[in-house]
Amino acid sequence: MVYHEIRKINRNIYNYLVYNLRKNGKWKKKSRFIGKGKIEGKKLKKLKNEFRWEILAEKSKFLSKKQVIELENFKKKYNKKINSLNKEEFGKFEEAFFTELTYNSNAIEGNSLSLEETSLVINEGIVPKGKTLREIHEAKNHVEALEFLKNYEGDLNENLMLKLHSLILKNISERFAGTYRTSNVKIAGSTFKPPAAEKVPQLVKNLVYWYKKNKNEIYLFELAILFSAKFVTIHPFVDGNGRVSRLLMNFLLKKNNHPLINIYKKNRQDYLNAIRKSNDEDYSLIIPFILKNLKQNLKEFGVID
């Protein structure tokens, strides 16, 4: 957080903006002189924002300063709109969003339920004709995972990943739910080979360590996307990797007051192309892709024009 610090030297007032940041496990103070004498509140607020944006932009490897400012403004507008809703209005908004998020995340993985059918299953308890039991459980499970995350107050860790996976495969594949794969897997339509099964537990631990090391050093929007992409590359489970990865991305975004992101089924091919690039540690497609989806989400919500 940026704060205003006043230093008095020989009866003169000197104004500084100060930002405390944690780097390599140690706290460091970064300050900037912004002038002598009294500074008006409106001007001070503007200077604070500019300084904060510069700090955040320095933490980003893939986003420009302009994009970081844009994202910070999106976050501000989104939270303002959400906070303006009364309890009933927010409940309706959340139900609609969770329904769309569930539909799209499952559809990306091949679930044939339409948006309307997904709503019938999770909001009214009605089972559409001609749909498999697996598809019905996938819809119910995804919403249950979202509800779990809504009330979860801890940080990201291995137990959270395993819990989400156990919810995603509940009543579908209990044998594999909440456990790492013990065999090698192939990804349909891709030449990428996920790591050998025996490496998975350590790779997941390494990923959690990477998150803890970088959560104060990489711009959060970027960190959430990178974590999700790295998780998919490990492919720690027999099934459900994509759904869990998107849940984890949204958990990290929500934890830091960023809007949740709904990746639309209509953008599935672009998403898969970006993920394939990410498997080779090339994140040049996935971050702008997610940003594009966020803009589409916010336009649909009426947050931006």
Protein backbone atom coordinates (compact mmCIF):
# COMPACT_ATOMS: atom_id res chain seq x y z
CA MET A 1 0.00 0.00 0.00
CA VAL A 2 1.20 3.49 -0.82
CA TYR A 3 1.09 6.00 2.02
CA HIS A 4 1.92 9.67 2.43
CA GLU A 5 4.85 10.51 4.68
CA ILE A 6 5.62 14.05 5.87
CA ARG A 7 9.12 14.91 6.97
CA LYS A 8 9.89 18.21 8.69
CA ILE A 9 13.38 19.59 8.20
CA ASN A 10 14.29 23.08 9.48
CA ARG A 11 10.60 23.98 9.73
CA ASN A 12 10.06 23.01 6.10
CA ILE A 13 7.57 20.31 5.12
CA TYR A 14 8.76 17.68 2.64
CA ASN A 15 6.26 15.20 1.16
CA TYR A 16 7.09 11.64 0.20
CA LEU A 17 5.13 8.69 -1.08
CA VAL A 18 6.23 5.40 0.45
CA TYR A 19 5.60 1.83 -0.63
CA ASN A 20 6.66 -1.18 1.42
CA LEU A 21 7.35 -4.25 -0.67
CA ARG A 22 8.57 -7.72 0.12
CA LYS A 23 11.39 -8.93 -2.12
CA ASN A 24 13.34 -12.16 -1.72
CA GLY A 25 11.78 -12.65 1.70
CA LYS A 26 12.74 -9.21 3.00
CA TRP A 27 10.76 -5.99 3.37
CA LYS A 28 12.05 -3.00 1.47
CA LYS A 29 10.86 0.59 1.44
CA LYS A 30 10.59 2.52 -1.80
CA SER A 31 9.92 6.25 -1.55
CA ARG A 32 9.47 9.22 -3.86
CA PHE A 33 9.72 12.92 -3.09
CA ILE A 34 6.61 14.73 -4.36
CA GLY A 35 7.16 18.31 -3.24
CA LYS A 36 7.42 20.81 -0.41
CA GLY A 37 4.60 22.35 1.58
CA LYS A 38 0.96 21.36 1.74
CA ILE A 39 -0.43 19.18 -1.09
CA GLU A 40 -4.15 19.22 -1.86
CA GLY A 41 -6.08 16.00 -1.35
CA LYS A 42 -7.10 15.53 -4.98
CA LYS A 43 -3.55 15.99 -6.22
CA LEU A 44 -2.18 13.70 -3.51
CA LYS A 45 -4.65 10.96 -4.48
CA LYS A 46 -3.57 11.25 -8.12
CA LEU A 47 0.13 11.07 -7.20
CA LYS A 48 -0.53 8.03 -4.98
CA ASN A 49 -2.28 6.20 -7.80
CA GLU A 50 0.48 6.98 -10.30
CA PHE A 51 3.16 5.77 -7.89
CA ARG A 52 1.21 2.61 -7.06
CA TRP A 53 0.66 1.87 -10.76
CA GLU A 54 4.38 2.19 -11.42
CA ILE A 55 5.15 -0.26 -8.60
CA LEU A 56 2.60 -2.77 -9.90
CA ALA A 57 3.88 -2.40 -13.47
CA GLU A 58 7.39 -3.18 -12.25
CA LYS A 59 6.04 -6.48 -10.90
CA SER A 60 4.66 -7.48 -14.29
CA LYS A 61 6.69 -9.35 -16.91
CA PHE A 62 4.03 -9.66 -19.58
CA LEU A 63 1.76 -6.64 -19.12
CA SER A 64 2.51 -3.04 -20.02
CA LYS A 65 2.03 -0.20 -17.56
CA LYS A 66 -1.03 0.85 -19.58
CA GLN A 67 -2.55 -2.63 -19.20
CA VAL A 68 -1.84 -2.69 -15.46
CA ILE A 69 -3.58 0.67 -15.03
CA GLU A 70 -6.48 -0.64 -17.10
CA LEU A 71 -6.77 -3.74 -14.91
CA GLU A 72 -6.65 -1.69 -11.72
CA ASN A 73 -9.45 0.50 -13.04
CA PHE A 74 -11.44 -2.60 -14.00
CA LYS A 75 -11.02 -3.92 -10.45
CA LYS A 76 -12.16 -0.62 -8.96
CA LYS A 77 -15.25 -0.36 -11.21
CA TYR A 78 -16.18 -4.02 -10.66
CA ASN A 79 -16.00 -3.79 -6.87
CA LYS A 80 -17.91 -0.51 -6.88
CA LYS A 81 -20.73 -2.14 -8.86
CA ILE A 82 -20.76 -5.29 -6.71
CA ASN A 83 -20.81 -3.26 -3.49
CA SER A 84 -23.75 -1.21 -4.79
CA LEU A 85 -25.97 -4.31 -5.02
CA ASN A 86 -28.32 -5.18 -2.18
CA LYS A 87 -28.40 -8.74 -0.79
CA GLU A 88 -31.11 -9.95 -3.18
CA GLU A 89 -29.48 -8.35 -6.23
CA PHE A 90 -26.09 -9.81 -5.35
CA GLY A 91 -27.64 -13.26 -4.85
CA LYS A 92 -29.14 -13.14 -8.34
CA PHE A 93 -25.89 -11.88 -9.84
CA GLU A 94 -23.85 -14.60 -8.16
CA GLU A 95 -26.29 -17.34 -9.19
CA ALA A 96 -26.21 -16.19 -12.82
CA PHE A 97 -22.42 -15.89 -12.84
CA PHE A 98 -21.82 -19.26 -11.13
CA THR A 99 -24.20 -20.85 -13.65
CA GLU A 100 -22.38 -19.37 -16.65
CA LEU A 101 -18.97 -20.17 -15.17
CA THR A 102 -20.02 -23.77 -14.57
CA TYR A 103 -21.51 -24.14 -18.04
CA ASN A 104 -18.45 -22.73 -19.82
CA SER A 105 -15.80 -24.51 -17.75
CA ASN A 106 -17.51 -27.87 -18.23
CA ALA A 107 -18.28 -27.22 -21.92
CA ILE A 108 -14.60 -26.52 -22.59
CA GLU A 109 -13.93 -30.06 -21.36
CA GLY A 110 -16.65 -31.62 -23.54
CA ASN A 111 -19.77 -31.53 -21.35
CA SER A 112 -22.82 -31.26 -23.67
CA LEU A 113 -25.20 -29.49 -21.25
CA SER A 114 -26.41 -26.18 -22.63
CA LEU A 115 -26.45 -23.06 -20.46
CA GLU A 116 -30.19 -23.49 -19.93
CA GLU A 117 -29.78 -27.17 -19.02
CA THR A 118 -26.94 -26.33 -16.64
CA SER A 119 -29.23 -23.84 -14.90
CA LEU A 120 -31.98 -26.43 -14.60
CA VAL A 121 -29.58 -28.90 -12.97
CA ILE A 122 -27.87 -26.60 -10.47
CA ASN A 123 -30.61 -24.08 -9.69
CA GLU A 124 -33.81 -26.12 -9.95
CA GLY A 125 -32.68 -29.70 -9.46
CA ILE A 126 -34.20 -30.78 -12.78
CA VAL A 127 -32.39 -33.42 -14.85
CA PRO A 128 -32.71 -32.86 -18.62
CA LYS A 129 -33.50 -35.86 -20.81
CA GLY A 130 -30.77 -37.50 -22.85
CA LYS A 131 -27.87 -36.36 -20.66
CA THR A 132 -25.41 -38.67 -18.95
CA LEU A 133 -25.16 -39.01 -15.18
CA ARG A 134 -21.56 -37.86 -15.43
CA GLU A 135 -22.58 -34.60 -17.10
CA ILE A 136 -25.16 -33.94 -14.38
CA HIS A 137 -22.61 -34.55 -11.63
CA GLU A 138 -20.06 -32.35 -13.39
CA ALA A 139 -22.48 -29.42 -13.21
CA LYS A 140 -23.41 -30.03 -9.56
CA ASN A 141 -19.80 -30.61 -8.55
CA HIS A 142 -18.49 -27.44 -10.16
CA VAL A 143 -20.98 -25.26 -8.31
CA GLU A 144 -20.20 -27.06 -5.06
CA ALA A 145 -16.50 -26.29 -5.63
CA LEU A 146 -17.35 -22.61 -6.25
CA GLU A 147 -19.40 -22.49 -3.05
CA PHE A 148 -16.53 -24.09 -1.14
CA LEU A 149 -14.09 -21.48 -2.43
CA LYS A 150 -16.52 -18.67 -1.58
CA ASN A 151 -16.27 -19.65 2.09
CA TYR A 152 -12.63 -20.74 2.15
CA GLU A 153 -10.43 -18.29 4.05
CA GLY A 154 -7.04 -19.99 3.85
CA ASP A 155 -4.23 -19.53 1.35
CA LEU A 156 -3.40 -21.64 -1.66
CA ASN A 157 -1.77 -24.96 -0.75
CA GLU A 158 -1.69 -28.64 -1.72
CA ASN A 159 -4.66 -29.52 0.46
CA LEU A 160 -6.80 -26.94 -1.33
CA MET A 161 -5.90 -28.40 -4.74
CA LEU A 162 -6.74 -31.93 -3.58
CA LYS A 163 -10.00 -30.78 -1.98
CA LEU A 164 -11.13 -29.04 -5.18
CA HIS A 165 -10.28 -32.13 -7.20
CA SER A 166 -12.20 -34.37 -4.80
CA LEU A 167 -15.25 -32.11 -5.30
CA ILE A 168 -14.89 -32.01 -9.09
CA LEU A 169 -14.82 -35.82 -9.38
CA LYS A 170 -17.38 -36.49 -6.65
CA ASN A 171 -19.78 -39.30 -7.68
CA ILE A 172 -17.90 -39.54 -10.98
CA SER A 173 -14.58 -41.18 -10.24
CA GLU A 174 -14.26 -41.64 -6.48
CA ARG A 175 -11.22 -43.85 -6.93
CA PHE A 176 -9.18 -40.96 -8.36
CA ALA A 177 -10.89 -38.03 -6.63
CA GLY A 178 -8.48 -35.97 -4.55
CA THR A 179 -5.40 -38.02 -5.43
CA TYR A 180 -2.48 -37.46 -7.76
CA ARG A 181 -2.23 -39.69 -10.80
CA THR A 182 0.00 -42.75 -10.49
CA SER A 183 0.26 -43.43 -14.21
CA ASN A 184 1.43 -41.46 -17.21
CA VAL A 185 -1.21 -39.71 -19.32
CA LYS A 186 -1.64 -38.33 -22.82
CA ILE A 187 -3.61 -35.23 -23.79
CA ALA A 188 -5.99 -35.77 -26.69
CA GLY A 189 -5.15 -33.62 -29.71
CA SER A 190 -1.79 -32.54 -28.33
CA THR A 191 1.80 -33.69 -28.78
CA PHE A 192 2.69 -32.42 -25.30
CA LYS A 193 3.70 -35.12 -22.83
CA PRO A 194 2.91 -34.29 -19.19
CA PRO A 195 5.61 -35.13 -16.63
CA ALA A 196 6.01 -38.72 -15.49
CA ALA A 197 3.62 -39.70 -12.70
CA GLU A 198 6.38 -40.26 -10.14
CA LYS A 199 7.44 -36.62 -10.51
CA VAL A 200 3.99 -35.15 -9.89
CA PRO A 201 4.00 -34.86 -6.05
CA GLN A 202 7.31 -32.99 -6.01
CA LEU A 203 6.36 -30.80 -8.96
CA VAL A 204 3.18 -29.73 -7.17
CA LYS A 205 5.18 -28.92 -4.04
CA ASN A 206 7.58 -26.90 -6.20
CA LEU A 207 4.63 -25.01 -7.70
CA VAL A 208 3.25 -24.13 -4.26
CA TYR A 209 6.72 -22.94 -3.25
CA TRP A 210 6.88 -20.83 -6.44
CA TYR A 211 3.54 -19.26 -5.54
CA LYS A 212 4.58 -18.43 -1.98
CA LYS A 213 7.87 -16.98 -3.17
CA ASN A 214 6.26 -14.82 -5.86
CA LYS A 215 2.86 -13.82 -4.47
CA ASN A 216 4.21 -10.46 -3.36
CA GLU A 217 6.60 -10.02 -6.26
CA ILE A 218 4.49 -10.69 -9.38
CA TYR A 219 1.44 -8.60 -10.25
CA LEU A 220 -1.50 -10.61 -8.95
CA PHE A 221 -3.52 -10.80 -12.16
CA GLU A 222 -0.46 -12.20 -13.90
CA LEU A 223 0.44 -14.50 -11.01
CA ALA A 224 -3.00 -16.13 -11.01
CA ILE A 225 -2.81 -16.88 -14.74
CA LEU A 226 0.74 -18.17 -14.56
CA PHE A 227 -0.11 -20.44 -11.64
CA SER A 228 -3.09 -21.88 -13.50
CA ALA A 229 -1.00 -22.48 -16.64
CA LYS A 230 1.87 -24.10 -14.71
CA PHE A 231 -0.63 -26.32 -12.91
CA VAL A 232 -2.06 -27.58 -16.21
CA THR A 233 1.47 -28.31 -17.48
CA ILE A 234 2.07 -30.60 -14.50
CA HIS A 235 -1.32 -32.25 -15.16
CA PRO A 236 -1.35 -33.76 -11.66
CA PHE A 237 -4.64 -35.64 -11.96
CA VAL A 238 -6.03 -38.35 -14.21
CA ASP A 239 -9.03 -36.14 -14.96
CA GLY A 240 -10.31 -32.67 -14.02
CA ASN A 241 -7.05 -30.74 -14.45
CA GLY A 242 -8.54 -27.95 -16.56
CA ARG A 243 -11.48 -27.33 -14.26
CA VAL A 244 -9.31 -27.29 -11.14
CA SER A 245 -6.78 -24.98 -12.81
CA ARG A 246 -9.48 -22.41 -13.63
CA LEU A 247 -10.94 -22.65 -10.13
CA LEU A 248 -7.49 -22.00 -8.65
CA MET A 249 -6.96 -19.02 -10.97
CA ASN A 250 -10.26 -17.52 -9.89
CA PHE A 251 -9.55 -18.24 -6.24
CA LEU A 252 -6.34 -16.20 -6.44
CA LEU A 253 -8.11 -13.39 -8.29
CA LYS A 254 -10.98 -13.21 -5.80
CA LYS A 255 -8.61 -13.39 -2.83
CA ASN A 256 -7.08 -10.14 -4.09
CA ASN A 257 -10.36 -8.41 -5.07
CA HIS A 258 -9.95 -8.91 -8.82
CA PRO A 259 -13.07 -9.96 -10.79
CA LEU A 260 -13.53 -13.67 -11.40
CA ILE A 261 -12.99 -14.63 -15.01
CA ASN A 262 -15.34 -16.73 -17.11
CA ILE A 263 -13.58 -18.28 -20.11
CA TYR A 264 -16.27 -18.68 -22.75
CA LYS A 265 -16.81 -21.92 -24.63
CA LYS A 266 -16.87 -19.92 -27.89
CA ASN A 267 -13.21 -19.02 -27.21
CA ARG A 268 -12.24 -22.64 -26.50
CA GLN A 269 -9.84 -23.07 -29.43
CA ASP A 270 -7.93 -19.89 -28.67
CA TYR A 271 -7.76 -20.95 -25.02
CA LEU A 272 -6.37 -24.40 -25.90
CA ASN A 273 -3.81 -22.84 -28.26
CA ALA A 274 -2.66 -20.53 -25.48
CA ILE A 275 -2.44 -23.43 -23.02
CA ARG A 276 -0.34 -25.44 -25.48
CA LYS A 277 2.09 -22.53 -25.74
CA SER A 278 2.18 -22.36 -21.94
CA ASN A 279 3.20 -26.01 -21.77
CA ASP A 280 6.48 -24.88 -23.32
CA GLU A 281 6.77 -22.03 -20.78
CA ASP A 282 5.69 -19.52 -23.40
CA TYR A 283 3.05 -17.33 -21.78
CA SER A 284 2.81 -14.77 -24.57
CA LEU A 285 -0.69 -15.96 -25.57
CA ILE A 286 -2.37 -16.97 -22.33
CA ILE A 287 -2.11 -13.64 -20.50
CA PRO A 288 -3.54 -11.45 -23.30
CA PHE A 289 -6.17 -14.13 -23.93
CA ILE A 290 -7.38 -14.01 -20.32
CA LEU A 291 -7.33 -10.21 -20.38
CA LYS A 292 -9.50 -10.26 -23.51
CA ASN A 293 -11.98 -12.61 -21.81
CA LEU A 294 -12.09 -10.39 -18.74
CA LYS A 295 -13.05 -7.41 -20.91
CA GLN A 296 -15.81 -9.49 -22.52
CA ASN A 297 -17.05 -10.49 -19.04
CA LEU A 298 -17.11 -6.91 -17.76
CA LYS A 299 -18.95 -5.66 -20.85
CA GLU A 300 -21.55 -8.37 -20.34
CA PHE A 301 -21.92 -7.33 -16.68
CA GLY A 302 -22.30 -3.69 -17.71
CA VAL A 303 -19.17 -2.69 -15.76
CA ILE A 304 -17.45 -1.23 -18.83
CA ASP A 305 -18.69 -0.06 -22.23
